[in-house]
C-alpha atoms as a PDB file:
ATOM      1  CA  MET A   1      93.378 108.946  97.341  1.00  0.00           C
ATOM      2  CA  SER A   2      94.880 112.173  98.616  1.00  0.00           C
ATOM      3  CA  GLU A   3      98.308 112.275 100.200  1.00  0.00           C
ATOM      4  CA  LYS A   4      96.777 113.394 103.505  1.00  0.00           C
ATOM      5  CA  LYS A   5      94.553 110.290 103.660  1.00  0.00           C
ATOM      6  CA  ARG A   6      97.425 108.054 102.626  1.00  0.00           C
ATOM      7  CA  PHE A   7      99.654 109.735 105.202  1.00  0.00           C
ATOM      8  CA  SER A   8      97.076 108.985 107.891  1.00  0.00           C
ATOM      9  CA  PHE A   9      96.838 105.374 106.795  1.00  0.00           C
ATOM     10  CA  ASN A  10     100.640 105.107 106.782  1.00  0.00           C
ATOM     11  CA  MET A  11     100.636 106.471 110.324  1.00  0.00           C
ATOM     12  CA  ILE A  12      98.094 103.834 111.364  1.00  0.00           C
ATOM     13  CA  THR A  13     100.093 100.963 109.857  1.00  0.00           C
ATOM     14  CA  SER A  14     103.343 102.293 111.308  1.00  0.00           C
ATOM     15  CA  THR A  15     101.727 102.574 114.734  1.00  0.00           C
ATOM     16  CA  MET A  16     100.368  99.032 114.478  1.00  0.00           C
ATOM     17  CA  ASN A  17     103.841  97.836 113.505  1.00  0.00           C
ATOM     18  CA  SER A  18     105.441  99.720 116.418  1.00  0.00           C
ATOM     19  CA  ILE A  19     102.970  98.227 118.891  1.00  0.00           C
ATOM     20  CA  GLY A  20     103.746  94.783 117.474  1.00  0.00           C
ATOM     21  CA  THR A  21     107.485  95.370 117.806  1.00  0.00           C
ATOM     22  CA  ALA A  22     107.107  96.565 121.404  1.00  0.00           C
ATOM     23  CA  TRP A  23     105.001  93.487 122.168  1.00  0.00           C
ATOM     24  CA  VAL A  24     107.787  91.247 120.841  1.00  0.00           C
ATOM     25  CA  PHE A  25     110.091  92.745 123.484  1.00  0.00           C
ATOM     26  CA  VAL A  26     107.433  92.214 126.179  1.00  0.00           C
ATOM     27  CA  LEU A  27     107.176  88.579 125.102  1.00  0.00           C
ATOM     28  CA  LEU A  28     110.946  88.267 125.216  1.00  0.00           C
ATOM     29  CA  ILE A  29     110.955  89.497 128.813  1.00  0.00           C
ATOM     30  CA  ILE A  30     108.036  87.259 129.844  1.00  0.00           C
ATOM     31  CA  ILE A  31     109.615  84.172 128.276  1.00  0.00           C
ATOM     32  CA  ASN A  32     113.008  84.852 129.865  1.00  0.00           C
ATOM     33  CA  LEU A  33     111.439  85.483 133.282  1.00  0.00           C
ATOM     34  CA  ASP A  34     109.548  82.205 132.930  1.00  0.00           C
ATOM     35  CA  ILE A  35     112.762  80.348 132.089  1.00  0.00           C
ATOM     36  CA  ILE A  36     114.617  81.936 135.014  1.00  0.00           C
ATOM     37  CA  SER A  37     111.721  81.230 137.374  1.00  0.00           C
ATOM     38  CA  ARG A  38     111.588  77.583 136.265  1.00  0.00           C
ATOM     39  CA  PHE A  39     115.349  77.150 136.616  1.00  0.00           C
ATOM     40  CA  LEU A  40     115.955  78.981 139.905  1.00  0.00           C
ATOM     41  CA  PHE A  41     112.710  78.407 141.799  1.00  0.00           C
ATOM     42  CA  ASN A  42     111.131  75.448 139.967  1.00  0.00           C
ATOM     43  CA  ARG A  43     108.047  77.664 139.543  1.00  0.00           C
ATOM     44  CA  PRO A  44     106.972  78.589 136.036  1.00  0.00           C
ATOM     45  CA  ILE A  45     105.049  81.797 135.455  1.00  0.00           C
ATOM     46  CA  ARG A  46     101.430  80.906 134.869  1.00  0.00           C
ATOM     47  CA  GLY A  47      99.982  81.508 131.422  1.00  0.00           C
ATOM     48  CA  VAL A  48     103.186  82.105 129.485  1.00  0.00           C
ATOM     49  CA  PRO A  49     102.443  79.431 126.828  1.00  0.00           C
ATOM     50  CA  GLU A  50      98.915  80.810 126.350  1.00  0.00           C
ATOM     51  CA  ILE A  51     100.118  84.401 126.123  1.00  0.00           C
ATOM     52  CA  VAL A  52     102.810  83.472 123.616  1.00  0.00           C
ATOM     53  CA  SER A  53     100.476  81.408 121.411  1.00  0.00           C
ATOM     54  CA  LEU A  54      97.854  84.183 121.283  1.00  0.00           C
ATOM     55  CA  SER A  55     100.498  86.846 120.755  1.00  0.00           C
ATOM     56  CA  ILE A  56     102.120  85.184 117.740  1.00  0.00           C
ATOM     57  CA  VAL A  57      98.854  85.289 115.809  1.00  0.00           C
ATOM     58  CA  ALA A  58      98.144  88.867 116.893  1.00  0.00           C
ATOM     59  CA  LEU A  59     101.657  90.025 115.954  1.00  0.00           C
ATOM     60  CA  VAL A  60     101.366  88.728 112.402  1.00  0.00           C
ATOM     61  CA  PHE A  61      98.156  90.641 111.811  1.00  0.00           C
ATOM     62  CA  MET A  62      99.389  93.775 113.613  1.00  0.00           C
ATOM     63  CA  GLN A  63     102.397  93.999 111.324  1.00  0.00           C
ATOM     64  CA  ILE A  64     101.236  92.647 107.939  1.00  0.00           C
ATOM     65  CA  ALA A  65     100.085  95.964 106.425  1.00  0.00           C
ATOM     66  CA  HIS A  66     103.353  97.701 107.279  1.00  0.00           C
ATOM     67  CA  THR A  67     105.294  94.714 105.951  1.00  0.00           C
ATOM     68  CA  LEU A  68     103.458  95.120 102.655  1.00  0.00           C
ATOM     69  CA  LYS A  69     103.995  98.873 102.584  1.00  0.00           C
ATOM     70  CA  VAL A  70     107.753  98.592 102.957  1.00  0.00           C
ATOM     71  CA  GLY A  71     108.014  95.728 100.444  1.00  0.00           C
ATOM     72  CA  ARG A  72     109.091  93.050 102.909  1.00  0.00           C
ATOM     73  CA  LEU A  73     106.414  90.456 102.182  1.00  0.00           C
ATOM     74  CA  THR A  74     108.147  87.222 101.226  1.00  0.00           C
ATOM     75  CA  ARG A  75     107.708  86.400  97.560  1.00  0.00           C
ATOM     76  CA  ALA A  76     109.736  85.277  94.567  1.00  0.00           C
ATOM     77  CA  GLU A  77     110.427  88.214  92.255  1.00  0.00           C
ATOM     78  CA  THR A  78     112.834  86.754  89.721  1.00  0.00           C
ATOM     79  CA  LEU A  79     110.381  86.675  86.816  1.00  0.00           C
ATOM     80  CA  LEU A  80     108.759  89.943  87.892  1.00  0.00           C
ATOM     81  CA  ASN A  81     112.117  91.745  87.954  1.00  0.00           C
ATOM     82  CA  ILE A  82     112.919  90.538  84.430  1.00  0.00           C
ATOM     83  CA  LEU A  83     109.487  91.650  83.210  1.00  0.00           C
ATOM     84  CA  ARG A  84     109.789  95.037  84.913  1.00  0.00           C
ATOM     85  CA  ALA A  85     113.150  95.579  83.225  1.00  0.00           C
ATOM     86  CA  LYS A  86     112.173  94.434  79.719  1.00  0.00           C
ATOM     87  CA  LEU A  87     108.396  95.073  79.662  1.00  0.00           C
ATOM     88  CA  PRO A  88     107.677  97.555  82.476  1.00  0.00           C
ATOM     89  CA  ARG A  89     103.964  97.884  81.734  1.00  0.00           C
ATOM     90  CA  VAL A  90     103.456  94.109  81.794  1.00  0.00           C
ATOM     91  CA  GLY A  91     105.419  93.938  85.052  1.00  0.00           C
ATOM     92  CA  CYS A  92     103.274  96.692  86.583  1.00  0.00           C
ATOM     93  CA  PHE A  93     100.120  94.959  85.386  1.00  0.00           C
ATOM     94  CA  LEU A  94     101.122  91.589  86.868  1.00  0.00           C
ATOM     95  CA  GLU A  95     102.169  93.181  90.140  1.00  0.00           C
ATOM     96  CA  GLY A  96      98.843  95.022  90.246  1.00  0.00           C
ATOM     97  CA  ILE A  97      97.031  91.719  89.754  1.00  0.00           C
ATOM     98  CA  PHE A  98      99.157  90.173  92.532  1.00  0.00           C
ATOM     99  CA  HIS A  99      98.099  92.988  94.847  1.00  0.00           C
ATOM    100  CA  LEU A 100      94.428  92.605  93.927  1.00  0.00           C
ATOM    101  CA  VAL A 101      94.609  88.866  94.616  1.00  0.00           C
ATOM    102  CA  GLY A 102      96.237  89.641  97.977  1.00  0.00           C
ATOM    103  CA  ALA A 103      93.406  92.041  98.817  1.00  0.00           C
ATOM    104  CA  GLY A 104      90.923  89.324  97.855  1.00  0.00           C
ATOM    105  CA  LEU A 105      92.601  86.741 100.071  1.00  0.00           C
ATOM    106  CA  PHE A 106      92.583  89.080 103.052  1.00  0.00           C
ATOM    107  CA  TRP A 107      88.931  89.868 102.307  1.00  0.00           C
ATOM    108  CA  LEU A 108      88.239  86.139 102.685  1.00  0.00           C
ATOM    109  CA  ILE A 109      90.153  86.095 105.976  1.00  0.00           C
ATOM    110  CA  LEU A 110      88.156  89.106 107.151  1.00  0.00           C
ATOM    111  CA  GLN A 111      84.851  87.480 106.152  1.00  0.00           C
ATOM    112  CA  GLY A 112      85.751  84.218 107.873  1.00  0.00           C
ATOM    113  CA  SER A 113      87.095  85.859 111.021  1.00  0.00           C
ATOM    114  CA  TYR A 114      84.130  88.085 111.782  1.00  0.00           C
ATOM    115  CA  PRO A 115      81.832  85.232 112.889  1.00  0.00           C
ATOM    116  CA  MET A 116      84.684  83.847 114.998  1.00  0.00           C
ATOM    117  CA  LEU A 117      85.019  87.201 116.798  1.00  0.00           C
ATOM    118  CA  ILE A 118      81.280  87.330 117.451  1.00  0.00           C
ATOM    119  CA  LYS A 119      81.311  83.742 118.759  1.00  0.00           C
ATOM    120  CA  ALA A 120      84.356  84.340 120.986  1.00  0.00           C
ATOM    121  CA  TRP A 121      82.701  87.453 122.416  1.00  0.00           C
ATOM    122  CA  THR A 122      79.264  85.831 122.830  1.00  0.00           C
ATOM    123  CA  ILE A 123      80.375  82.622 124.544  1.00  0.00           C
ATOM    124  CA  ASP A 124      83.140  84.414 126.484  1.00  0.00           C
ATOM    125  CA  GLU A 125      85.824  82.123 125.030  1.00  0.00           C
ATOM    126  CA  TYR A 126      89.072  81.815 126.961  1.00  0.00           C
ATOM    127  CA  VAL A 127      92.342  79.913 126.692  1.00  0.00           C
ATOM    128  CA  GLY A 128      94.028  78.379 129.687  1.00  0.00           C
ATOM    129  CA  ALA A 129      92.771  76.371 132.629  1.00  0.00           C
ATOM    130  CA  GLU A 130      90.052  77.596 134.935  1.00  0.00           C
ATOM    131  CA  GLY A 131      91.497  78.343 138.340  1.00  0.00           C
ATOM    132  CA  ASP A 132      95.024  78.596 136.955  1.00  0.00           C
ATOM    133  CA  PHE A 133      95.297  81.105 134.115  1.00  0.00           C
ATOM    134  CA  MET A 134      92.682  82.270 131.657  1.00  0.00           C
ATOM    135  CA  ALA A 135      92.936  84.832 128.851  1.00  0.00           C
ATOM    136  CA  PRO A 136      90.102  85.998 126.613  1.00  0.00           C
ATOM    137  CA  VAL A 137      90.355  85.096 122.926  1.00  0.00           C
ATOM    138  CA  TRP A 138      88.260  87.936 121.482  1.00  0.00           C
ATOM    139  CA  PRO A 139      91.048  90.594 121.520  1.00  0.00           C
ATOM    140  CA  VAL A 140      93.141  88.435 119.189  1.00  0.00           C
ATOM    141  CA  LYS A 141      90.128  87.852 116.934  1.00  0.00           C
ATOM    142  CA  LEU A 142      89.585  91.627 116.826  1.00  0.00           C
ATOM    143  CA  ILE A 143      93.252  92.197 115.947  1.00  0.00           C
ATOM    144  CA  ILE A 144      92.877  89.679 113.111  1.00  0.00           C
ATOM    145  CA  LEU A 145      89.958  91.730 111.738  1.00  0.00           C
ATOM    146  CA  ILE A 146      91.768  95.048 112.087  1.00  0.00           C
ATOM    147  CA  GLY A 147      94.978  93.650 110.586  1.00  0.00           C
ATOM    148  CA  SER A 148      93.071  92.066 107.706  1.00  0.00           C
ATOM    149  CA  ALA A 149      91.268  95.333 106.960  1.00  0.00           C
ATOM    150  CA  ALA A 150      94.582  97.218 107.029  1.00  0.00           C
ATOM    151  CA  ALA A 151      96.155  94.612 104.715  1.00  0.00           C
ATOM    152  CA  ILE A 152      93.240  94.934 102.274  1.00  0.00           C
ATOM    153  CA  ILE A 153      93.645  98.707 102.170  1.00  0.00           C
ATOM    154  CA  GLN A 154      97.416  98.417 101.724  1.00  0.00           C
ATOM    155  CA  PHE A 155      97.070  95.846  98.931  1.00  0.00           C
ATOM    156  CA  LEU A 156      94.540  98.099  97.164  1.00  0.00           C
ATOM    157  CA  LEU A 157      96.834 101.127  97.506  1.00  0.00           C
ATOM    158  CA  LEU A 158      99.698  99.123  96.013  1.00  0.00           C
ATOM    159  CA  ALA A 159      97.483  97.873  93.174  1.00  0.00           C
ATOM    160  CA  TYR A 160      96.345 101.436  92.477  1.00  0.00           C
ATOM    161  CA  ASP A 161      99.975 102.594  92.309  1.00  0.00           C
ATOM    162  CA  ASP A 162     100.908  99.673  90.022  1.00  0.00           C
ATOM    163  CA  PHE A 163      98.087 100.370  87.568  1.00  0.00           C
ATOM    164  CA  LYS A 164      98.791 104.102  87.705  1.00  0.00           C
ATOM    165  CA  GLN A 165     102.459 103.450  86.932  1.00  0.00           C
ATOM    166  CA  MET A 166     101.418 101.133  84.099  1.00  0.00           C
ATOM    167  CA  ALA A 167      99.166 103.808  82.606  1.00  0.00           C
ATOM    168  CA  PHE A 168     101.547 106.734  83.215  1.00  0.00           C
ATOM    169  CA  PRO A 169     105.093 105.316  83.247  1.00  0.00           C
ATOM    170  CA  ALA A 170     106.715 108.745  83.103  1.00  0.00           C
ATOM    171  CA  ASP A 171     105.265 109.829  86.465  1.00  0.00           C
ATOM    172  CA  PRO A 172     108.009 112.108  87.848  1.00  0.00           C
ATOM    173  CA  GLN A 173     107.298 111.197  91.471  1.00  0.00           C
ATOM    174  CA  THR A 174     107.799 107.447  90.983  1.00  0.00           C
ATOM    175  CA  ALA A 175     110.590 107.939  88.480  1.00  0.00           C
ATOM    176  CA  GLU A 176     112.637 109.997  90.971  1.00  0.00           C
ATOM    177  CA  THR A 177     112.205 107.760  93.979  1.00  0.00           C
ATOM    178  CA  GLY A 178     111.816 104.418  92.248  1.00  0.00           C
ATOM    179  CA  ASP A 179     109.140 103.729  94.837  1.00  0.00           C
ATOM    180  CA  HIS A 180     105.620 102.879  93.786  1.00  0.00           C
ATOM    181  CA  THR A 181     104.191 102.203  97.247  1.00  0.00           C
END
């Protein structure tokens, strides 16, 4: 994949991450306003629990690809670090396999989520109580699909870099930066 295409994909994942971060601050404001409104006026803001519950799911999928790209996905690397130090090619191979398995898992999420998006759109699914507060579910289902697709691409890019580094360990670009993402 050319650097220009990868640069564009990096821009997409960074933008998704930035939108997710901005939404966290919006949620912070909404939650605090709800707390203040409950305390001072005994009047909660309608729909805050629904907005928060939908947003948490959406935020995870908005930010997962960028989390992968920057190496912040939670995992245990003790054995992998030892292998990378003593047997770098084996370490690269195992990390490449890890990334392929990750792509496969997100492919399953994508496959399972698509029918849910279609159903939510078709039946006009909402959360909340009619007459009080209602929010459509389909935007979150769409974000799950987009985030899953971005995660698949990111996992595949990482796997490609791992296998490339395994095959060509003296790559000057990765040797200088120490970064194989």
